[in-house]
């Protein structure tokens, strides 16, 4: 069976003048399987949120395709027997498939219209795509509100009446109202308190099990990513530099940038010690990216080869992809902080 979603060579460039532009997302290819959580991680500015917005058609891609396969997944257009390029759809065709791919935004306050009641916020996507009768709309909104832990008696209130966690539940309900199969969650818990964050993460997992959802989870908190994800893609300056199953990536990273990210993950044991790996220098400007490997200007392991030749994203181990010339030789440390190899280039 083919993947539910195939992101193929997606690029998004932003213009900085009439003659200059830079790629915020640069030739990214990923697959999302049915029922899977694929996390995309990286520093602020790496392009992960831009990728999410391109996928849901919040902004237009410069090039590339997002192939959606609704066959057999219970989607609104199931049974077509073929993949559809979601980025190429227009008009009625786009309205037909848009309910299947929805988004949860980072800030639960700024993403909600303060002039609309909670009922209207949740109902808006359904009104835009299906135009249901009044009784059906009311039933569906109440049903979704209860599913995400909201009190249906509060649906006529406005967003300012709710806490941050409750507002994020409203955002989740809005994303679920159309019955999607793919949810792009863009930093969906980063603006919440730690205790509320745990509640929302558990809610997302429960909803995934109950509704058969597939998540593209955009985040920077690697402890949450480890708990929630089946696979993890690491982005740096708009490109995927590593992609692997979660356990493999956390225990044996194959790219120096991933090793640096993992070294910053807090450990629950106060007596445990682990050396923090801090990349040298500043993140290069997207308008003046280094030649060769994009990470070469900050990498402790970089050689002359890294500075002149761009490494392809290729298999370094079984199902483990890395864009590093020395992915199989470097003694990179995983989350346990222990070297996984003894040789270096």
C-alpha atoms as a PDB file:
ATOM      1  CA  UNK A   1       0.000   0.000   0.000  1.00  0.00           C
ATOM      2  CA  UNK A   2       1.362   3.438  -0.902  1.00  0.00           C
ATOM      3  CA  UNK A   3       1.948   6.199   1.640  1.00  0.00           C
ATOM      4  CA  UNK A   4      -0.935   8.419   2.643  1.00  0.00           C
ATOM      5  CA  UNK A   5       1.096  11.532   1.795  1.00  0.00           C
ATOM      6  CA  UNK A   6       4.237  11.880  -0.346  1.00  0.00           C
ATOM      7  CA  UNK A   7       6.040  15.206  -0.262  1.00  0.00           C
ATOM      8  CA  UNK A   8       8.184  15.327  -3.399  1.00  0.00           C
ATOM      9  CA  UNK A   9      10.991  17.854  -3.969  1.00  0.00           C
ATOM     10  CA  UNK A  10       9.074  20.713  -2.356  1.00  0.00           C
ATOM     11  CA  UNK A  11      10.788  24.095  -2.524  1.00  0.00           C
ATOM     12  CA  UNK A  12       9.522  27.419  -1.221  1.00  0.00           C
ATOM     13  CA  UNK A  13      11.451  30.570  -2.087  1.00  0.00           C
ATOM     14  CA  UNK A  14      10.819  34.036  -0.677  1.00  0.00           C
ATOM     15  CA  UNK A  15      11.801  37.167  -2.581  1.00  0.00           C
ATOM     16  CA  UNK A  16      13.973  39.741  -0.855  1.00  0.00           C
ATOM     17  CA  UNK A  17      14.213  42.047  -3.873  1.00  0.00           C
ATOM     18  CA  UNK A  18      13.203  42.076  -7.517  1.00  0.00           C
ATOM     19  CA  UNK A  19      16.248  40.015  -8.436  1.00  0.00           C
ATOM     20  CA  UNK A  20      17.028  38.037  -5.268  1.00  0.00           C
ATOM     21  CA  UNK A  21      15.267  35.249  -3.399  1.00  0.00           C
ATOM     22  CA  UNK A  22      16.189  32.542  -0.926  1.00  0.00           C
ATOM     23  CA  UNK A  23      14.822  29.018  -0.338  1.00  0.00           C
ATOM     24  CA  UNK A  24      13.164  28.671   3.069  1.00  0.00           C
ATOM     25  CA  UNK A  25      12.388  25.063   2.091  1.00  0.00           C
ATOM     26  CA  UNK A  26      14.866  23.491  -0.313  1.00  0.00           C
ATOM     27  CA  UNK A  27      14.022  20.316  -2.262  1.00  0.00           C
ATOM     28  CA  UNK A  28      12.359  18.460   0.637  1.00  0.00           C
ATOM     29  CA  UNK A  29      11.011  14.933   0.096  1.00  0.00           C
ATOM     30  CA  UNK A  30       9.190  12.953   2.818  1.00  0.00           C
ATOM     31  CA  UNK A  31       6.507  10.309   3.163  1.00  0.00           C
ATOM     32  CA  UNK A  32       3.771  10.067   5.782  1.00  0.00           C
ATOM     33  CA  UNK A  33       2.261   6.639   6.345  1.00  0.00           C
ATOM     34  CA  UNK A  34      -1.289   5.947   7.484  1.00  0.00           C
ATOM     35  CA  UNK A  35      -1.601   6.270  11.263  1.00  0.00           C
ATOM     36  CA  UNK A  36       1.998   7.490  11.613  1.00  0.00           C
ATOM     37  CA  UNK A  37       3.463  10.438  13.490  1.00  0.00           C
ATOM     38  CA  UNK A  38       6.368  11.956  11.578  1.00  0.00           C
ATOM     39  CA  UNK A  39       8.087  14.774  13.461  1.00  0.00           C
ATOM     40  CA  UNK A  40      10.076  17.542  11.780  1.00  0.00           C
ATOM     41  CA  UNK A  41      12.626  19.188  14.084  1.00  0.00           C
ATOM     42  CA  UNK A  42      15.306  21.841  13.872  1.00  0.00           C
ATOM     43  CA  UNK A  43      16.300  25.299  15.082  1.00  0.00           C
ATOM     44  CA  UNK A  44      14.049  28.309  14.607  1.00  0.00           C
ATOM     45  CA  UNK A  45      14.297  29.480  11.017  1.00  0.00           C
ATOM     46  CA  UNK A  46      15.154  26.067   9.565  1.00  0.00           C
ATOM     47  CA  UNK A  47      11.979  26.040   7.443  1.00  0.00           C
ATOM     48  CA  UNK A  48       9.878  23.458   9.274  1.00  0.00           C
ATOM     49  CA  UNK A  49       6.842  25.717   9.798  1.00  0.00           C
ATOM     50  CA  UNK A  50       7.051  26.941   6.220  1.00  0.00           C
ATOM     51  CA  UNK A  51       6.998  23.330   5.059  1.00  0.00           C
ATOM     52  CA  UNK A  52       3.862  22.699   7.124  1.00  0.00           C
ATOM     53  CA  UNK A  53       2.075  25.701   5.670  1.00  0.00           C
ATOM     54  CA  UNK A  54       2.985  24.665   2.145  1.00  0.00           C
ATOM     55  CA  UNK A  55       1.550  21.189   2.731  1.00  0.00           C
ATOM     56  CA  UNK A  56      -1.841  22.529   3.858  1.00  0.00           C
ATOM     57  CA  UNK A  57      -1.884  25.167   1.104  1.00  0.00           C
ATOM     58  CA  UNK A  58      -1.534  28.019   3.574  1.00  0.00           C
ATOM     59  CA  UNK A  59       1.156  29.382   1.242  1.00  0.00           C
ATOM     60  CA  UNK A  60       2.026  28.324  -2.281  1.00  0.00           C
ATOM     61  CA  UNK A  61       5.095  26.222  -3.032  1.00  0.00           C
ATOM     62  CA  UNK A  62       7.617  27.457  -5.567  1.00  0.00           C
ATOM     63  CA  UNK A  63       7.953  23.925  -6.929  1.00  0.00           C
ATOM     64  CA  UNK A  64       7.345  20.319  -5.983  1.00  0.00           C
ATOM     65  CA  UNK A  65       4.306  18.166  -5.260  1.00  0.00           C
ATOM     66  CA  UNK A  66       2.335  16.817  -2.299  1.00  0.00           C
ATOM     67  CA  UNK A  67       0.799  13.551  -3.452  1.00  0.00           C
ATOM     68  CA  UNK A  68      -2.227  12.498  -1.423  1.00  0.00           C
ATOM     69  CA  UNK A  69      -3.628   8.978  -1.663  1.00  0.00           C
ATOM     70  CA  UNK A  70      -7.162   8.845  -0.213  1.00  0.00           C
ATOM     71  CA  UNK A  71      -7.880   5.289  -1.362  1.00  0.00           C
ATOM     72  CA  UNK A  72      -9.026   3.086   1.484  1.00  0.00           C
ATOM     73  CA  UNK A  73      -8.396   5.633   4.243  1.00  0.00           C
ATOM     74  CA  UNK A  74     -11.983   6.724   4.700  1.00  0.00           C
ATOM     75  CA  UNK A  75     -11.284  10.213   3.351  1.00  0.00           C
ATOM     76  CA  UNK A  76     -13.899  12.339   1.700  1.00  0.00           C
ATOM     77  CA  UNK A  77     -12.791  11.300  -1.766  1.00  0.00           C
ATOM     78  CA  UNK A  78     -11.877   7.686  -0.983  1.00  0.00           C
ATOM     79  CA  UNK A  79     -12.160   5.152  -3.730  1.00  0.00           C
ATOM     80  CA  UNK A  80     -10.527   7.177  -6.485  1.00  0.00           C
ATOM     81  CA  UNK A  81      -7.752   4.580  -6.729  1.00  0.00           C
ATOM     82  CA  UNK A  82      -5.056   7.129  -7.510  1.00  0.00           C
ATOM     83  CA  UNK A  83      -2.857   9.775  -5.943  1.00  0.00           C
ATOM     84  CA  UNK A  84      -3.751  13.435  -6.222  1.00  0.00           C
ATOM     85  CA  UNK A  85      -1.255  16.297  -6.266  1.00  0.00           C
ATOM     86  CA  UNK A  86      -2.768  18.405  -3.504  1.00  0.00           C
ATOM     87  CA  UNK A  87      -0.670  21.433  -4.501  1.00  0.00           C
ATOM     88  CA  UNK A  88      -2.052  21.400  -8.043  1.00  0.00           C
ATOM     89  CA  UNK A  89      -5.748  21.367  -7.097  1.00  0.00           C
ATOM     90  CA  UNK A  90      -7.928  24.414  -7.762  1.00  0.00           C
ATOM     91  CA  UNK A  91     -11.505  25.501  -7.276  1.00  0.00           C
ATOM     92  CA  UNK A  92     -14.059  22.777  -6.633  1.00  0.00           C
ATOM     93  CA  UNK A  93     -11.432  20.015  -6.659  1.00  0.00           C
ATOM     94  CA  UNK A  94      -9.456  21.773  -3.910  1.00  0.00           C
ATOM     95  CA  UNK A  95     -12.594  22.283  -1.816  1.00  0.00           C
ATOM     96  CA  UNK A  96     -13.323  18.575  -2.199  1.00  0.00           C
ATOM     97  CA  UNK A  97      -9.979  17.425  -0.801  1.00  0.00           C
ATOM     98  CA  UNK A  98      -9.119  20.248   1.599  1.00  0.00           C
ATOM     99  CA  UNK A  99     -11.135  18.732   4.512  1.00  0.00           C
ATOM    100  CA  UNK A 100      -8.750  15.750   4.530  1.00  0.00           C
ATOM    101  CA  UNK A 101      -5.626  17.801   5.380  1.00  0.00           C
ATOM    102  CA  UNK A 102      -5.919  20.231   8.296  1.00  0.00           C
ATOM    103  CA  UNK A 103      -3.605  22.194  10.604  1.00  0.00           C
ATOM    104  CA  UNK A 104      -3.210  22.963  14.312  1.00  0.00           C
ATOM    105  CA  UNK A 105      -1.386  26.241  14.893  1.00  0.00           C
ATOM    106  CA  UNK A 106       1.236  27.172  17.462  1.00  0.00           C
ATOM    107  CA  UNK A 107      -0.376  30.099  19.274  1.00  0.00           C
ATOM    108  CA  UNK A 108      -3.837  29.136  20.552  1.00  0.00           C
ATOM    109  CA  UNK A 109      -4.821  32.793  21.010  1.00  0.00           C
ATOM    110  CA  UNK A 110      -3.682  34.512  17.831  1.00  0.00           C
ATOM    111  CA  UNK A 111      -5.030  31.656  15.691  1.00  0.00           C
ATOM    112  CA  UNK A 112      -8.593  32.169  17.023  1.00  0.00           C
ATOM    113  CA  UNK A 113     -10.775  35.085  15.902  1.00  0.00           C
ATOM    114  CA  UNK A 114     -11.633  37.029  19.100  1.00  0.00           C
ATOM    115  CA  UNK A 115     -14.872  38.287  17.519  1.00  0.00           C
ATOM    116  CA  UNK A 116     -16.259  34.786  16.929  1.00  0.00           C
ATOM    117  CA  UNK A 117     -17.827  32.448  19.461  1.00  0.00           C
ATOM    118  CA  UNK A 118     -16.232  29.064  20.050  1.00  0.00           C
ATOM    119  CA  UNK A 119     -19.154  27.453  18.244  1.00  0.00           C
ATOM    120  CA  UNK A 120     -18.579  29.546  15.115  1.00  0.00           C
ATOM    121  CA  UNK A 121     -14.788  29.000  15.245  1.00  0.00           C
ATOM    122  CA  UNK A 122     -15.195  25.223  15.316  1.00  0.00           C
ATOM    123  CA  UNK A 123     -18.038  25.254  12.773  1.00  0.00           C
ATOM    124  CA  UNK A 124     -16.341  27.537  10.229  1.00  0.00           C
ATOM    125  CA  UNK A 125     -14.376  24.857   8.305  1.00  0.00           C
ATOM    126  CA  UNK A 126     -17.459  22.652   8.040  1.00  0.00           C
ATOM    127  CA  UNK A 127     -19.586  25.541   6.801  1.00  0.00           C
ATOM    128  CA  UNK A 128     -16.944  26.388   4.198  1.00  0.00           C
ATOM    129  CA  UNK A 129     -16.587  22.861   2.826  1.00  0.00           C
ATOM    130  CA  UNK A 130     -19.949  21.137   3.248  1.00  0.00           C
ATOM    131  CA  UNK A 131     -22.652  23.696   4.134  1.00  0.00           C
ATOM    132  CA  UNK A 132     -24.509  21.293   6.477  1.00  0.00           C
ATOM    133  CA  UNK A 133     -28.002  21.856   7.789  1.00  0.00           C
ATOM    134  CA  UNK A 134     -28.336  23.643  11.107  1.00  0.00           C
ATOM    135  CA  UNK A 135     -29.176  20.591  13.201  1.00  0.00           C
ATOM    136  CA  UNK A 136     -26.344  18.540  11.692  1.00  0.00           C
ATOM    137  CA  UNK A 137     -23.896  21.403  12.280  1.00  0.00           C
ATOM    138  CA  UNK A 138     -24.915  21.786  15.918  1.00  0.00           C
ATOM    139  CA  UNK A 139     -24.678  18.042  16.530  1.00  0.00           C
ATOM    140  CA  UNK A 140     -21.261  17.790  14.898  1.00  0.00           C
ATOM    141  CA  UNK A 141     -19.799  20.767  16.781  1.00  0.00           C
ATOM    142  CA  UNK A 142     -21.030  19.462  20.142  1.00  0.00           C
ATOM    143  CA  UNK A 143     -19.666  16.012  19.346  1.00  0.00           C
ATOM    144  CA  UNK A 144     -16.200  17.307  18.480  1.00  0.00           C
ATOM    145  CA  UNK A 145     -16.150  19.673  21.477  1.00  0.00           C
ATOM    146  CA  UNK A 146     -16.822  16.786  23.846  1.00  0.00           C
ATOM    147  CA  UNK A 147     -14.213  14.635  22.107  1.00  0.00           C
ATOM    148  CA  UNK A 148     -11.452  17.173  22.777  1.00  0.00           C
ATOM    149  CA  UNK A 149     -12.546  17.805  26.368  1.00  0.00           C
ATOM    150  CA  UNK A 150     -14.544  21.043  25.992  1.00  0.00           C
ATOM    151  CA  UNK A 151     -17.805  21.690  27.820  1.00  0.00           C
ATOM    152  CA  UNK A 152     -20.554  22.036  25.148  1.00  0.00           C
ATOM    153  CA  UNK A 153     -22.349  24.534  27.390  1.00  0.00           C
ATOM    154  CA  UNK A 154     -19.434  26.957  26.825  1.00  0.00           C
ATOM    155  CA  UNK A 155     -19.660  27.019  23.032  1.00  0.00           C
ATOM    156  CA  UNK A 156     -21.313  30.452  22.962  1.00  0.00           C
ATOM    157  CA  UNK A 157     -18.423  32.049  24.813  1.00  0.00           C
ATOM    158  CA  UNK A 158     -15.516  33.892  23.186  1.00  0.00           C
ATOM    159  CA  UNK A 159     -11.836  32.777  23.115  1.00  0.00           C
ATOM    160  CA  UNK A 160     -10.689  35.291  25.763  1.00  0.00           C
ATOM    161  CA  UNK A 161     -12.828  33.433  28.323  1.00  0.00           C
ATOM    162  CA  UNK A 162     -10.644  30.333  28.128  1.00  0.00           C
ATOM    163  CA  UNK A 163      -7.210  29.304  29.358  1.00  0.00           C
ATOM    164  CA  UNK A 164      -4.340  28.554  26.969  1.00  0.00           C
ATOM    165  CA  UNK A 165      -4.919  24.814  27.158  1.00  0.00           C
ATOM    166  CA  UNK A 166      -8.645  25.211  26.519  1.00  0.00           C
ATOM    167  CA  UNK A 167      -7.958  27.507  23.562  1.00  0.00           C
ATOM    168  CA  UNK A 168      -5.657  24.893  22.061  1.00  0.00           C
ATOM    169  CA  UNK A 169      -8.429  22.327  22.459  1.00  0.00           C
ATOM    170  CA  UNK A 170     -10.640  24.713  20.467  1.00  0.00           C
ATOM    171  CA  UNK A 171      -7.967  24.798  17.749  1.00  0.00           C
ATOM    172  CA  UNK A 172      -7.796  21.004  17.738  1.00  0.00           C
ATOM    173  CA  UNK A 173     -11.587  20.763  17.495  1.00  0.00           C
ATOM    174  CA  UNK A 174     -11.558  23.180  14.552  1.00  0.00           C
ATOM    175  CA  UNK A 175      -9.001  20.987  12.792  1.00  0.00           C
ATOM    176  CA  UNK A 176     -11.029  17.825  13.450  1.00  0.00           C
ATOM    177  CA  UNK A 177     -14.481  19.095  12.480  1.00  0.00           C
ATOM    178  CA  UNK A 178     -14.085  18.170   8.792  1.00  0.00           C
ATOM    179  CA  UNK A 179     -12.977  14.608   9.574  1.00  0.00           C
ATOM    180  CA  UNK A 180      -9.393  14.888   8.291  1.00  0.00           C
ATOM    181  CA  UNK A 181      -6.891  12.075   7.864  1.00  0.00           C
ATOM    182  CA  UNK A 182      -3.758  14.252   7.957  1.00  0.00           C
ATOM    183  CA  UNK A 183      -3.063  16.799  10.706  1.00  0.00           C
ATOM    184  CA  UNK A 184      -0.113  19.178  10.442  1.00  0.00           C
ATOM    185  CA  UNK A 185       0.605  20.247  14.040  1.00  0.00           C
ATOM    186  CA  UNK A 186       2.864  23.296  13.991  1.00  0.00           C
ATOM    187  CA  UNK A 187       4.477  23.644  17.448  1.00  0.00           C
ATOM    188  CA  UNK A 188       1.068  22.706  18.837  1.00  0.00           C
ATOM    189  CA  UNK A 189       2.176  22.589  22.489  1.00  0.00           C
ATOM    190  CA  UNK A 190       5.177  24.924  22.674  1.00  0.00           C
ATOM    191  CA  UNK A 191       3.132  27.901  23.929  1.00  0.00           C
ATOM    192  CA  UNK A 192       1.560  25.941  26.787  1.00  0.00           C
ATOM    193  CA  UNK A 193       2.571  25.360  30.416  1.00  0.00           C
ATOM    194  CA  UNK A 194       4.333  22.061  31.052  1.00  0.00           C
ATOM    195  CA  UNK A 195       1.413  20.381  32.857  1.00  0.00           C
ATOM    196  CA  UNK A 196      -1.075  21.469  30.186  1.00  0.00           C
ATOM    197  CA  UNK A 197       1.388  20.414  27.492  1.00  0.00           C
ATOM    198  CA  UNK A 198       1.272  16.830  28.756  1.00  0.00           C
ATOM    199  CA  UNK A 199      -2.534  16.837  28.655  1.00  0.00           C
ATOM    200  CA  UNK A 200      -2.614  18.052  25.043  1.00  0.00           C
ATOM    201  CA  UNK A 201       0.018  15.532  23.935  1.00  0.00           C
ATOM    202  CA  UNK A 202      -1.975  12.688  25.489  1.00  0.00           C
ATOM    203  CA  UNK A 203      -5.132  14.044  23.860  1.00  0.00           C
ATOM    204  CA  UNK A 204      -3.419  14.021  20.450  1.00  0.00           C
ATOM    205  CA  UNK A 205      -2.316  10.413  20.961  1.00  0.00           C
ATOM    206  CA  UNK A 206      -5.804   9.336  22.026  1.00  0.00           C
ATOM    207  CA  UNK A 207      -7.377  11.081  19.031  1.00  0.00           C
ATOM    208  CA  UNK A 208      -4.886   9.422  16.712  1.00  0.00           C
ATOM    209  CA  UNK A 209      -5.776   5.975  18.038  1.00  0.00           C
ATOM    210  CA  UNK A 210      -9.507   6.637  17.934  1.00  0.00           C
ATOM    211  CA  UNK A 211      -9.742   8.401  14.575  1.00  0.00           C
ATOM    212  CA  UNK A 212      -6.818   6.846  12.682  1.00  0.00           C
ATOM    213  CA  UNK A 213      -5.089  10.195  12.187  1.00  0.00           C
ATOM    214  CA  UNK A 214      -1.660  10.735  10.656  1.00  0.00           C
ATOM    215  CA  UNK A 215       0.397  13.571  12.155  1.00  0.00           C
ATOM    216  CA  UNK A 216       3.126  15.721  10.701  1.00  0.00           C
ATOM    217  CA  UNK A 217       4.339  17.064  14.039  1.00  0.00           C
ATOM    218  CA  UNK A 218       6.530  20.171  13.818  1.00  0.00           C
ATOM    219  CA  UNK A 219       8.457  20.788  17.031  1.00  0.00           C
ATOM    220  CA  UNK A 220      11.714  21.755  18.684  1.00  0.00           C
ATOM    221  CA  UNK A 221      11.205  19.981  22.032  1.00  0.00           C
ATOM    222  CA  UNK A 222      12.971  16.672  21.447  1.00  0.00           C
ATOM    223  CA  UNK A 223      11.678  15.054  24.637  1.00  0.00           C
ATOM    224  CA  UNK A 224       8.127  15.402  23.289  1.00  0.00           C
ATOM    225  CA  UNK A 225       9.247  14.280  19.854  1.00  0.00           C
ATOM    226  CA  UNK A 226      10.783  11.114  21.301  1.00  0.00           C
ATOM    227  CA  UNK A 227       7.555  10.271  23.137  1.00  0.00           C
ATOM    228  CA  UNK A 228       5.154  11.007  20.286  1.00  0.00           C
ATOM    229  CA  UNK A 229       6.927  10.102  17.051  1.00  0.00           C
ATOM    230  CA  UNK A 230       7.345   7.019  14.910  1.00  0.00           C
ATOM    231  CA  UNK A 231       9.957   8.706  12.715  1.00  0.00           C
ATOM    232  CA  UNK A 232      11.892  11.973  12.895  1.00  0.00           C
ATOM    233  CA  UNK A 233      13.174  14.265  10.142  1.00  0.00           C
ATOM    234  CA  UNK A 234      15.846  16.826  11.054  1.00  0.00           C
ATOM    235  CA  UNK A 235      15.929  20.092   9.071  1.00  0.00           C
ATOM    236  CA  UNK A 236      18.766  22.557   8.738  1.00  0.00           C
ATOM    237  CA  UNK A 237      18.632  25.688   6.541  1.00  0.00           C
ATOM    238  CA  UNK A 238      15.628  24.379   4.629  1.00  0.00           C
ATOM    239  CA  UNK A 239      16.921  20.880   3.898  1.00  0.00           C
ATOM    240  CA  UNK A 240      16.414  17.474   5.493  1.00  0.00           C
ATOM    241  CA  UNK A 241      19.781  16.360   6.881  1.00  0.00           C
ATOM    242  CA  UNK A 242      18.659  13.201   8.699  1.00  0.00           C
ATOM    243  CA  UNK A 243      15.595  10.940   8.670  1.00  0.00           C
ATOM    244  CA  UNK A 244      15.109   7.787  10.725  1.00  0.00           C
ATOM    245  CA  UNK A 245      12.894   5.865  13.090  1.00  0.00           C
ATOM    246  CA  UNK A 246      12.767   7.615  16.445  1.00  0.00           C
ATOM    247  CA  UNK A 247      14.661   5.005  18.460  1.00  0.00           C
ATOM    248  CA  UNK A 248      17.411   4.777  15.848  1.00  0.00           C
ATOM    249  CA  UNK A 249      17.880   8.534  15.578  1.00  0.00           C
ATOM    250  CA  UNK A 250      17.957   9.126  19.343  1.00  0.00           C
ATOM    251  CA  UNK A 251      20.316   6.257  20.134  1.00  0.00           C
ATOM    252  CA  UNK A 252      22.635   6.534  17.124  1.00  0.00           C
ATOM    253  CA  UNK A 253      22.464   9.846  15.219  1.00  0.00           C
ATOM    254  CA  UNK A 254      24.157   9.892  11.825  1.00  0.00           C
ATOM    255  CA  UNK A 255      24.574  13.640  11.372  1.00  0.00           C
ATOM    256  CA  UNK A 256      26.616  16.060  13.544  1.00  0.00           C
ATOM    257  CA  UNK A 257      23.742  18.552  13.668  1.00  0.00           C
ATOM    258  CA  UNK A 258      21.433  15.909  15.138  1.00  0.00           C
ATOM    259  CA  UNK A 259      24.106  15.024  17.703  1.00  0.00           C
ATOM    260  CA  UNK A 260      24.232  18.681  18.784  1.00  0.00           C
ATOM    261  CA  UNK A 261      20.436  18.852  19.113  1.00  0.00           C
ATOM    262  CA  UNK A 262      20.326  15.670  21.197  1.00  0.00           C
ATOM    263  CA  UNK A 263      23.074  16.908  23.522  1.00  0.00           C
ATOM    264  CA  UNK A 264      20.772  19.772  24.575  1.00  0.00           C
ATOM    265  CA  UNK A 265      17.908  17.499  25.693  1.00  0.00           C
ATOM    266  CA  UNK A 266      17.504  17.776  29.499  1.00  0.00           C
ATOM    267  CA  UNK A 267      18.079  14.576  31.475  1.00  0.00           C
ATOM    268  CA  UNK A 268      15.714  13.582  34.299  1.00  0.00           C
ATOM    269  CA  UNK A 269      18.629  12.350  36.437  1.00  0.00           C
ATOM    270  CA  UNK A 270      20.174  15.367  38.259  1.00  0.00           C
ATOM    271  CA  UNK A 271      23.384  13.410  38.896  1.00  0.00           C
ATOM    272  CA  UNK A 272      23.860  12.470  35.258  1.00  0.00           C
ATOM    273  CA  UNK A 273      26.327  14.496  33.251  1.00  0.00           C
ATOM    274  CA  UNK A 274      26.570  14.905  29.525  1.00  0.00           C
ATOM    275  CA  UNK A 275      28.750  17.262  27.562  1.00  0.00           C
ATOM    276  CA  UNK A 276      26.765  19.852  25.664  1.00  0.00           C
ATOM    277  CA  UNK A 277      27.837  20.057  22.024  1.00  0.00           C
ATOM    278  CA  UNK A 278      27.554  23.643  20.806  1.00  0.00           C
ATOM    279  CA  UNK A 279      28.050  24.202  17.050  1.00  0.00           C
ATOM    280  CA  UNK A 280      30.655  26.857  16.317  1.00  0.00           C
ATOM    281  CA  UNK A 281      29.642  30.254  14.980  1.00  0.00           C
ATOM    282  CA  UNK A 282      26.227  31.511  13.972  1.00  0.00           C
ATOM    283  CA  UNK A 283      23.598  29.946  11.734  1.00  0.00           C
ATOM    284  CA  UNK A 284      24.440  31.128   8.195  1.00  0.00           C
ATOM    285  CA  UNK A 285      22.074  33.565   6.538  1.00  0.00           C
ATOM    286  CA  UNK A 286      19.607  31.839   4.177  1.00  0.00           C
ATOM    287  CA  UNK A 287      20.671  34.381   1.548  1.00  0.00           C
ATOM    288  CA  UNK A 288      24.366  33.483   1.909  1.00  0.00           C
ATOM    289  CA  UNK A 289      24.500  29.750   2.464  1.00  0.00           C
ATOM    290  CA  UNK A 290      27.879  27.967   2.561  1.00  0.00           C
ATOM    291  CA  UNK A 291      29.126  25.826  -0.291  1.00  0.00           C
ATOM    292  CA  UNK A 292      29.129  22.065   0.126  1.00  0.00           C
ATOM    293  CA  UNK A 293      27.469  20.794   3.293  1.00  0.00           C
ATOM    294  CA  UNK A 294      25.242  23.505   4.781  1.00  0.00           C
ATOM    295  CA  UNK A 295      26.427  22.596   8.290  1.00  0.00           C
ATOM    296  CA  UNK A 296      30.129  22.614   7.410  1.00  0.00           C
ATOM    297  CA  UNK A 297      30.735  26.166   8.714  1.00  0.00           C
ATOM    298  CA  UNK A 298      29.607  25.099  12.233  1.00  0.00           C
ATOM    299  CA  UNK A 299      30.598  21.429  12.322  1.00  0.00           C
ATOM    300  CA  UNK A 300      33.431  20.165  14.561  1.00  0.00           C
ATOM    301  CA  UNK A 301      34.051  17.257  12.179  1.00  0.00           C
ATOM    302  CA  UNK A 302      34.099  19.170   8.859  1.00  0.00           C
ATOM    303  CA  UNK A 303      36.852  18.450   6.338  1.00  0.00           C
ATOM    304  CA  UNK A 304      37.722  20.071   3.046  1.00  0.00           C
ATOM    305  CA  UNK A 305      35.408  17.610   1.286  1.00  0.00           C
ATOM    306  CA  UNK A 306      32.496  18.910   3.385  1.00  0.00           C
ATOM    307  CA  UNK A 307      33.237  22.500   2.385  1.00  0.00           C
ATOM    308  CA  UNK A 308      33.237  21.891  -1.355  1.00  0.00           C
ATOM    309  CA  UNK A 309      30.866  18.963  -1.987  1.00  0.00           C
ATOM    310  CA  UNK A 310      27.214  18.793  -0.991  1.00  0.00           C
ATOM    311  CA  UNK A 311      26.427  15.397   0.600  1.00  0.00           C
ATOM    312  CA  UNK A 312      23.211  13.752  -0.680  1.00  0.00           C
ATOM    313  CA  UNK A 313      20.560  12.465   1.681  1.00  0.00           C
ATOM    314  CA  UNK A 314      21.224   8.748   1.440  1.00  0.00           C
ATOM    315  CA  UNK A 315      20.943   5.566   3.466  1.00  0.00           C
ATOM    316  CA  UNK A 316      23.627   5.271   6.132  1.00  0.00           C
ATOM    317  CA  UNK A 317      22.056   2.241   7.811  1.00  0.00           C
ATOM    318  CA  UNK A 318      18.900   0.194   7.464  1.00  0.00           C
ATOM    319  CA  UNK A 319      16.199   2.794   6.835  1.00  0.00           C
ATOM    320  CA  UNK A 320      18.348   5.541   8.372  1.00  0.00           C
ATOM    321  CA  UNK A 321      19.064   8.446   5.991  1.00  0.00           C
ATOM    322  CA  UNK A 322      21.746  11.070   6.496  1.00  0.00           C
ATOM    323  CA  UNK A 323      23.196  13.943   4.479  1.00  0.00           C
ATOM    324  CA  UNK A 324      26.742  13.567   5.829  1.00  0.00           C
ATOM    325  CA  UNK A 325      29.850  12.362   4.015  1.00  0.00           C
ATOM    326  CA  UNK A 326      31.005  10.553   7.167  1.00  0.00           C
ATOM    327  CA  UNK A 327      27.680   9.241   8.479  1.00  0.00           C
ATOM    328  CA  UNK A 328      29.017   5.713   8.995  1.00  0.00           C
ATOM    329  CA  UNK A 329      32.402   6.676  10.480  1.00  0.00           C
ATOM    330  CA  UNK A 330      31.770   9.515  12.920  1.00  0.00           C
ATOM    331  CA  UNK A 331      31.631   8.668  16.671  1.00  0.00           C
ATOM    332  CA  UNK A 332      28.388  10.540  17.195  1.00  0.00           C
ATOM    333  CA  UNK A 333      26.684  10.305  20.580  1.00  0.00           C
ATOM    334  CA  UNK A 334      23.025   9.575  21.043  1.00  0.00           C
ATOM    335  CA  UNK A 335      20.682  10.507  23.836  1.00  0.00           C
ATOM    336  CA  UNK A 336      22.556   8.268  26.281  1.00  0.00           C
ATOM    337  CA  UNK A 337      25.665  10.371  25.695  1.00  0.00           C
ATOM    338  CA  UNK A 338      27.887   7.441  24.790  1.00  0.00           C
ATOM    339  CA  UNK A 339      29.914   7.153  21.571  1.00  0.00           C
ATOM    340  CA  UNK A 340      28.405   4.702  19.104  1.00  0.00           C
ATOM    341  CA  UNK A 341      31.589   4.287  17.059  1.00  0.00           C
ATOM    342  CA  UNK A 342      35.323   4.638  17.572  1.00  0.00           C
ATOM    343  CA  UNK A 343      36.615   5.892  14.229  1.00  0.00           C
ATOM    344  CA  UNK A 344      36.467   9.307  12.573  1.00  0.00           C
ATOM    345  CA  UNK A 345      37.443  10.628   9.153  1.00  0.00           C
END
